Amino acid sequence: MIDRGQGTPGELTSAEREELRRLRRQNREQVETIEVLRKAAVFFAKESDR
């Protein structure tokens, strides 16, 4: 219905919902990547102190 302009104000279209899902998934993947890189940086920093 919203895709035909008949939804309630503030309701997302199918395309907007799909984009939101895609962006949330992308964000989650980036957060996981950052965490891995952070752990690697800590590991290599400790290794270089030896």
N, C-alpha and C. Protein backbone atom coordinates (compact mmCIF):
# COMPACT_ATOMS: atom_id res chain seq x y z
N MET A 1 0.81 -1.19 0.00
CA MET A 1 0.00 0.00 0.00
C MET A 1 0.86 1.26 0.00
N ILE A 2 1.87 1.28 0.87
CA ILE A 2 2.72 2.48 0.94
C ILE A 2 3.41 2.73 -0.39
N ASP A 3 3.73 1.65 -1.11
CA ASP A 3 4.40 1.79 -2.40
C ASP A 3 3.51 2.51 -3.41
N ARG A 4 2.20 2.50 -3.16
CA ARG A 4 1.26 3.18 -4.05
C ARG A 4 0.84 4.54 -3.49
N GLY A 5 1.54 4.98 -2.43
CA GLY A 5 1.24 6.27 -1.85
C GLY A 5 0.05 6.26 -0.91
N GLN A 6 -0.31 5.07 -0.39
CA GLN A 6 -1.50 4.97 0.45
C GLN A 6 -1.18 4.58 1.89
N GLY A 7 0.07 4.70 2.30
CA GLY A 7 0.43 4.31 3.66
C GLY A 7 0.27 5.45 4.63
N THR A 8 0.58 5.14 5.87
CA THR A 8 0.53 6.17 6.91
C THR A 8 1.79 7.03 6.84
N PRO A 9 1.72 8.26 7.30
CA PRO A 9 2.89 9.14 7.28
C PRO A 9 4.06 8.51 8.05
N GLY A 10 5.24 8.56 7.46
CA GLY A 10 6.43 8.01 8.11
C GLY A 10 6.67 6.55 7.81
N GLU A 11 5.73 5.88 7.17
CA GLU A 11 5.88 4.47 6.83
C GLU A 11 6.87 4.34 5.68
N LEU A 12 7.71 3.31 5.74
CA LEU A 12 8.73 3.11 4.72
C LEU A 12 8.16 2.34 3.53
N THR A 13 8.65 2.70 2.34
CA THR A 13 8.29 1.94 1.14
C THR A 13 9.09 0.63 1.14
N SER A 14 8.72 -0.28 0.26
CA SER A 14 9.45 -1.54 0.15
C SER A 14 10.92 -1.28 -0.18
N ALA A 15 11.17 -0.34 -1.07
CA ALA A 15 12.55 -0.01 -1.45
C ALA A 15 13.31 0.56 -0.26
N GLU A 16 12.65 1.41 0.52
CA GLU A 16 13.31 1.98 1.69
C GLU A 16 13.60 0.92 2.74
N ARG A 17 12.67 0.00 2.94
CA ARG A 17 12.89 -1.09 3.91
C ARG A 17 14.06 -1.96 3.47
N GLU A 18 14.12 -2.26 2.17
CA GLU A 18 15.22 -3.07 1.65
C GLU A 18 16.54 -2.34 1.80
N GLU A 19 16.56 -1.05 1.53
CA GLU A 19 17.78 -0.26 1.71
C GLU A 19 18.20 -0.24 3.17
N LEU A 20 17.25 -0.09 4.07
CA LEU A 20 17.55 -0.09 5.50
C LEU A 20 18.15 -1.43 5.92
N ARG A 21 17.58 -2.53 5.44
CA ARG A 21 18.13 -3.86 5.74
C ARG A 21 19.56 -3.97 5.22
N ARG A 22 19.77 -3.51 3.98
CA ARG A 22 21.09 -3.58 3.36
C ARG A 22 22.10 -2.75 4.15
N LEU A 23 21.71 -1.54 4.53
CA LEU A 23 22.61 -0.67 5.27
C LEU A 23 22.91 -1.21 6.66
N ARG A 24 21.92 -1.78 7.31
CA ARG A 24 22.15 -2.36 8.64
C ARG A 24 23.10 -3.55 8.55
N ARG A 25 22.92 -4.38 7.52
CA ARG A 25 23.80 -5.52 7.31
C ARG A 25 25.24 -5.04 7.03
N GLN A 26 25.35 -4.03 6.17
CA GLN A 26 26.66 -3.47 5.84
C GLN A 26 27.31 -2.88 7.09
N ASN A 27 26.54 -2.18 7.90
CA ASN A 27 27.06 -1.59 9.14
C ASN A 27 27.56 -2.68 10.09
N ARG A 28 26.77 -3.75 10.23
CA ARG A 28 27.15 -4.85 11.12
C ARG A 28 28.47 -5.47 10.64
N GLU A 29 28.60 -5.66 9.32
CA GLU A 29 29.83 -6.24 8.77
C GLU A 29 31.03 -5.31 9.03
N GLN A 30 30.81 -4.02 8.90
CA GLN A 30 31.90 -3.07 9.13
C GLN A 30 32.29 -3.03 10.59
N VAL A 31 31.33 -3.11 11.49
CA VAL A 31 31.62 -3.15 12.92
C VAL A 31 32.46 -4.40 13.24
N GLU A 32 32.09 -5.54 12.65
CA GLU A 32 32.84 -6.77 12.88
C GLU A 32 34.25 -6.65 12.33
N THR A 33 34.40 -6.06 11.15
CA THR A 33 35.72 -5.87 10.55
C THR A 33 36.59 -4.97 11.41
N ILE A 34 36.01 -3.89 11.90
CA ILE A 34 36.75 -2.97 12.76
C ILE A 34 37.22 -3.68 14.02
N GLU A 35 36.38 -4.53 14.59
CA GLU A 35 36.75 -5.26 15.80
C GLU A 35 37.91 -6.21 15.52
N VAL A 36 37.87 -6.91 14.40
CA VAL A 36 38.96 -7.81 14.03
C VAL A 36 40.26 -7.02 13.85
N LEU A 37 40.17 -5.89 13.16
CA LEU A 37 41.36 -5.06 12.94
C LEU A 37 41.90 -4.50 14.26
N ARG A 38 41.00 -4.13 15.15
CA ARG A 38 41.43 -3.62 16.46
C ARG A 38 42.19 -4.70 17.22
N LYS A 39 41.64 -5.91 17.22
CA LYS A 39 42.30 -7.02 17.91
C LYS A 39 43.65 -7.34 17.27
N ALA A 40 43.71 -7.28 15.96
CA ALA A 40 44.98 -7.53 15.27
C ALA A 40 46.00 -6.46 15.63
N ALA A 41 45.57 -5.22 15.69
CA ALA A 41 46.49 -4.13 16.04
C ALA A 41 47.03 -4.32 17.45
N VAL A 42 46.18 -4.72 18.39
CA VAL A 42 46.61 -4.98 19.76
C VAL A 42 47.61 -6.13 19.77
N PHE A 43 47.30 -7.19 19.04
CA PHE A 43 48.18 -8.35 18.99
C PHE A 43 49.56 -7.97 18.46
N PHE A 44 49.58 -7.25 17.33
CA PHE A 44 50.87 -6.90 16.72
C PHE A 44 51.62 -5.87 17.55
N ALA A 45 50.92 -5.02 18.25
CA ALA A 45 51.58 -4.06 19.13
C ALA A 45 52.29 -4.80 20.27
N LYS A 46 51.63 -5.83 20.81
CA LYS A 46 52.24 -6.63 21.88
C LYS A 46 53.44 -7.40 21.34
N GLU A 47 53.32 -7.94 20.13
CA GLU A 47 54.41 -8.70 19.51
C GLU A 47 55.63 -7.82 19.27
N SER A 48 55.40 -6.57 18.90
CA SER A 48 56.53 -5.70 18.59
C SER A 48 57.25 -5.22 19.85
N ASP A 49 56.61 -5.39 21.01
CA ASP A 49 57.23 -5.01 22.28
C ASP A 49 58.22 -6.08 22.78
N ARG A 50 58.20 -7.24 22.19
CA ARG A 50 59.05 -8.34 22.65
C ARG A 50 60.49 -8.14 22.24
